[in-house]
C-alpha atoms as a PDB file:
ATOM      1  CA  MET A   1      35.502  31.016  17.597  1.00  0.00           C
ATOM      2  CA  ARG A   2      33.528  27.693  17.615  1.00  0.00           C
ATOM      3  CA  SER A   3      34.801  24.536  16.402  1.00  0.00           C
ATOM      4  CA  HIS A   4      32.901  22.205  14.131  1.00  0.00           C
ATOM      5  CA  GLN A   5      32.356  19.934  17.289  1.00  0.00           C
ATOM      6  CA  ASP A   6      30.190  22.767  18.888  1.00  0.00           C
ATOM      7  CA  LEU A   7      27.802  23.029  15.830  1.00  0.00           C
ATOM      8  CA  PRO A   8      24.603  20.989  15.922  1.00  0.00           C
ATOM      9  CA  ASP A   9      24.533  17.991  13.626  1.00  0.00           C
ATOM     10  CA  ARG A  10      22.937  18.609  10.395  1.00  0.00           C
ATOM     11  CA  PRO A  11      21.829  15.961   7.907  1.00  0.00           C
ATOM     12  CA  PRO A  12      24.052  15.477   5.020  1.00  0.00           C
ATOM     13  CA  ILE A  13      23.213  17.337   1.793  1.00  0.00           C
ATOM     14  CA  ARG A  14      22.569  13.985   0.109  1.00  0.00           C
ATOM     15  CA  THR A  15      19.800  13.206   2.549  1.00  0.00           C
ATOM     16  CA  ILE A  16      18.129  16.559   1.972  1.00  0.00           C
ATOM     17  CA  SER A  17      18.426  16.089  -1.799  1.00  0.00           C
ATOM     18  CA  SER A  18      16.911  12.504  -1.594  1.00  0.00           C
ATOM     19  CA  ASN A  19      13.861  13.910   0.607  1.00  0.00           C
ATOM     20  CA  ILE A  20      13.236  16.785  -1.931  1.00  0.00           C
ATOM     21  CA  SER A  21      13.312  14.358  -4.873  1.00  0.00           C
ATOM     22  CA  ILE A  22      10.852  11.976  -3.186  1.00  0.00           C
ATOM     23  CA  TYR A  23       8.587  14.842  -2.170  1.00  0.00           C
ATOM     24  CA  SER A  24       8.689  16.182  -5.811  1.00  0.00           C
ATOM     25  CA  GLN A  25       7.946  12.733  -7.184  1.00  0.00           C
ATOM     26  CA  THR A  26       4.936  12.240  -4.824  1.00  0.00           C
ATOM     27  CA  GLN A  27       3.609  15.777  -5.619  1.00  0.00           C
ATOM     28  CA  GLY A  28       3.783  15.076  -9.352  1.00  0.00           C
ATOM     29  CA  LEU A  29       2.003  11.785  -8.979  1.00  0.00           C
ATOM     30  CA  LEU A  30      -0.782  13.381  -6.997  1.00  0.00           C
ATOM     31  CA  LEU A  31      -1.077  16.087  -9.590  1.00  0.00           C
ATOM     32  CA  HIS A  32      -1.296  13.426 -12.404  1.00  0.00           C
ATOM     33  CA  LEU A  33      -3.848  11.424 -10.688  1.00  0.00           C
ATOM     34  CA  SER A  34      -5.895  14.594  -9.974  1.00  0.00           C
ATOM     35  CA  LEU A  35      -5.844  15.831 -13.519  1.00  0.00           C
ATOM     36  CA  ASN A  36      -6.058  12.686 -15.472  1.00  0.00           C
ATOM     37  CA  TYR A  37      -8.178  10.477 -13.273  1.00  0.00           C
ATOM     38  CA  THR A  38     -10.648  13.000 -11.853  1.00  0.00           C
ATOM     39  CA  THR A  39     -13.756  10.858 -11.886  1.00  0.00           C
ATOM     40  CA  GLU A  40     -12.031   7.902 -10.257  1.00  0.00           C
ATOM     41  CA  VAL A  41     -10.582  10.082  -7.517  1.00  0.00           C
ATOM     42  CA  TRP A  42     -13.883  11.587  -6.724  1.00  0.00           C
ATOM     43  CA  HIS A  43     -15.446   8.131  -6.717  1.00  0.00           C
ATOM     44  CA  ALA A  44     -12.844   6.842  -4.378  1.00  0.00           C
ATOM     45  CA  PHE A  45     -13.035   9.933  -2.035  1.00  0.00           C
ATOM     46  CA  ARG A  46     -15.510   8.631   0.498  1.00  0.00           C
ATOM     47  CA  SER A  47     -16.060  11.870   2.452  1.00  0.00           C
ATOM     48  CA  TRP A  48     -17.742  15.260   2.058  1.00  0.00           C
ATOM     49  CA  LEU A  49     -16.343  18.673   1.306  1.00  0.00           C
ATOM     50  CA  ARG A  50     -18.183  21.881   1.336  1.00  0.00           C
ATOM     51  CA  THR A  51     -16.439  23.067  -1.779  1.00  0.00           C
ATOM     52  CA  MET A  52     -16.614  19.639  -3.427  1.00  0.00           C
ATOM     53  CA  ASN A  53     -17.315  19.953  -7.221  1.00  0.00           C
ATOM     54  CA  PRO A  54     -16.897  16.731  -9.197  1.00  0.00           C
ATOM     55  CA  GLY A  55     -16.744  18.595 -12.375  1.00  0.00           C
ATOM     56  CA  LEU A  56     -13.411  20.042 -11.489  1.00  0.00           C
ATOM     57  CA  PRO A  57     -10.077  18.213 -10.627  1.00  0.00           C
ATOM     58  CA  PRO A  58      -9.672  17.442  -6.886  1.00  0.00           C
ATOM     59  CA  SER A  59      -6.832  18.952  -4.900  1.00  0.00           C
ATOM     60  CA  GLU A  60      -3.742  16.843  -3.972  1.00  0.00           C
ATOM     61  CA  LEU A  61      -5.135  16.438  -0.430  1.00  0.00           C
ATOM     62  CA  VAL A  62      -8.315  14.811  -1.813  1.00  0.00           C
ATOM     63  CA  VAL A  63      -6.132  12.536  -4.104  1.00  0.00           C
ATOM     64  CA  ALA A  64      -4.028  11.575  -1.022  1.00  0.00           C
ATOM     65  CA  HIS A  65      -7.091  10.833   1.124  1.00  0.00           C
ATOM     66  CA  ALA A  66      -8.648   8.643  -1.795  1.00  0.00           C
ATOM     67  CA  LEU A  67      -5.310   6.732  -2.119  1.00  0.00           C
ATOM     68  CA  ARG A  68      -5.085   6.185   1.593  1.00  0.00           C
ATOM     69  CA  PHE A  69      -8.338   4.517   1.881  1.00  0.00           C
ATOM     70  CA  GLY A  70      -8.304   2.849  -1.583  1.00  0.00           C
ATOM     71  CA  ILE A  71      -5.040   1.191  -1.645  1.00  0.00           C
ATOM     72  CA  PRO A  72      -5.985  -1.567   1.008  1.00  0.00           C
ATOM     73  CA  GLY A  73      -8.853  -2.718  -1.115  1.00  0.00           C
ATOM     74  CA  PHE A  74      -6.710  -2.684  -4.210  1.00  0.00           C
ATOM     75  CA  PHE A  75      -4.091  -4.925  -2.702  1.00  0.00           C
ATOM     76  CA  ALA A  76      -6.798  -7.128  -1.035  1.00  0.00           C
ATOM     77  CA  SER A  77      -8.255  -7.946  -4.342  1.00  0.00           C
ATOM     78  CA  ARG A  78      -5.112  -8.880  -6.127  1.00  0.00           C
ATOM     79  CA  ALA A  79      -3.393 -12.217  -6.327  1.00  0.00           C
ATOM     80  CA  MET A  80       0.160 -11.521  -5.126  1.00  0.00           C
ATOM     81  CA  GLU A  81       3.448 -13.324  -4.787  1.00  0.00           C
ATOM     82  CA  PRO A  82       3.954 -14.720  -1.228  1.00  0.00           C
ATOM     83  CA  GLY A  83       6.869 -12.399  -0.575  1.00  0.00           C
ATOM     84  CA  MET A  84       4.817  -9.352  -1.305  1.00  0.00           C
ATOM     85  CA  LYS A  85       2.030 -10.572   0.938  1.00  0.00           C
ATOM     86  CA  LYS A  86       4.408 -11.049   3.757  1.00  0.00           C
ATOM     87  CA  ILE A  87       5.778  -7.452   3.395  1.00  0.00           C
ATOM     88  CA  LEU A  88       2.217  -5.921   3.087  1.00  0.00           C
ATOM     89  CA  LYS A  89       0.976  -7.939   6.064  1.00  0.00           C
ATOM     90  CA  GLN A  90       3.492  -6.179   8.302  1.00  0.00           C
ATOM     91  CA  PHE A  91       1.926  -2.817   7.626  1.00  0.00           C
ATOM     92  CA  ARG A  92      -1.701  -4.001   7.187  1.00  0.00           C
ATOM     93  CA  TYR A  93      -3.554  -3.661  10.535  1.00  0.00           C
ATOM     94  CA  ALA A  94      -3.296  -0.980  13.012  1.00  0.00           C
ATOM     95  CA  ALA A  95      -2.186  -1.852  16.543  1.00  0.00           C
ATOM     96  CA  GLY A  96      -4.823  -3.433  18.717  1.00  0.00           C
ATOM     97  CA  GLY A  97      -6.392  -5.688  16.126  1.00  0.00           C
ATOM     98  CA  SER A  98      -8.303  -3.071  14.163  1.00  0.00           C
ATOM     99  CA  ALA A  99     -10.560  -4.064  11.299  1.00  0.00           C
ATOM    100  CA  PRO A 100      -9.083  -4.853   7.923  1.00  0.00           C
ATOM    101  CA  GLY A 101      -8.527  -1.861   5.701  1.00  0.00           C
ATOM    102  CA  GLU A 102      -6.795   0.395   8.262  1.00  0.00           C
ATOM    103  CA  TRP A 103      -3.116   0.493   7.449  1.00  0.00           C
ATOM    104  CA  VAL A 104      -0.348   1.784   9.365  1.00  0.00           C
ATOM    105  CA  ALA A 105       3.074   2.532   7.890  1.00  0.00           C
END
């Protein structure tokens, strides 16, 4: 019989529950944006899809892509508190001095 020390480490149930909660909230936000802001999402989606139909709500993948490339411009155009600017500056540019607008988390 194996002791608990022989078993692999597993994340605590609280961690798993938190991750599921965050995933569910993110998925819900993507669905909300897809269904209620269809025109804006398609306008922000700067790519091409073979099956693209602006008359229908976009998929969550399209919404995520539009957010990924739209959020930097949103933050760049806003007047923010200095503390928020400092936080965002840490995540702003990709390694190697890339152009503005390419964010890395």
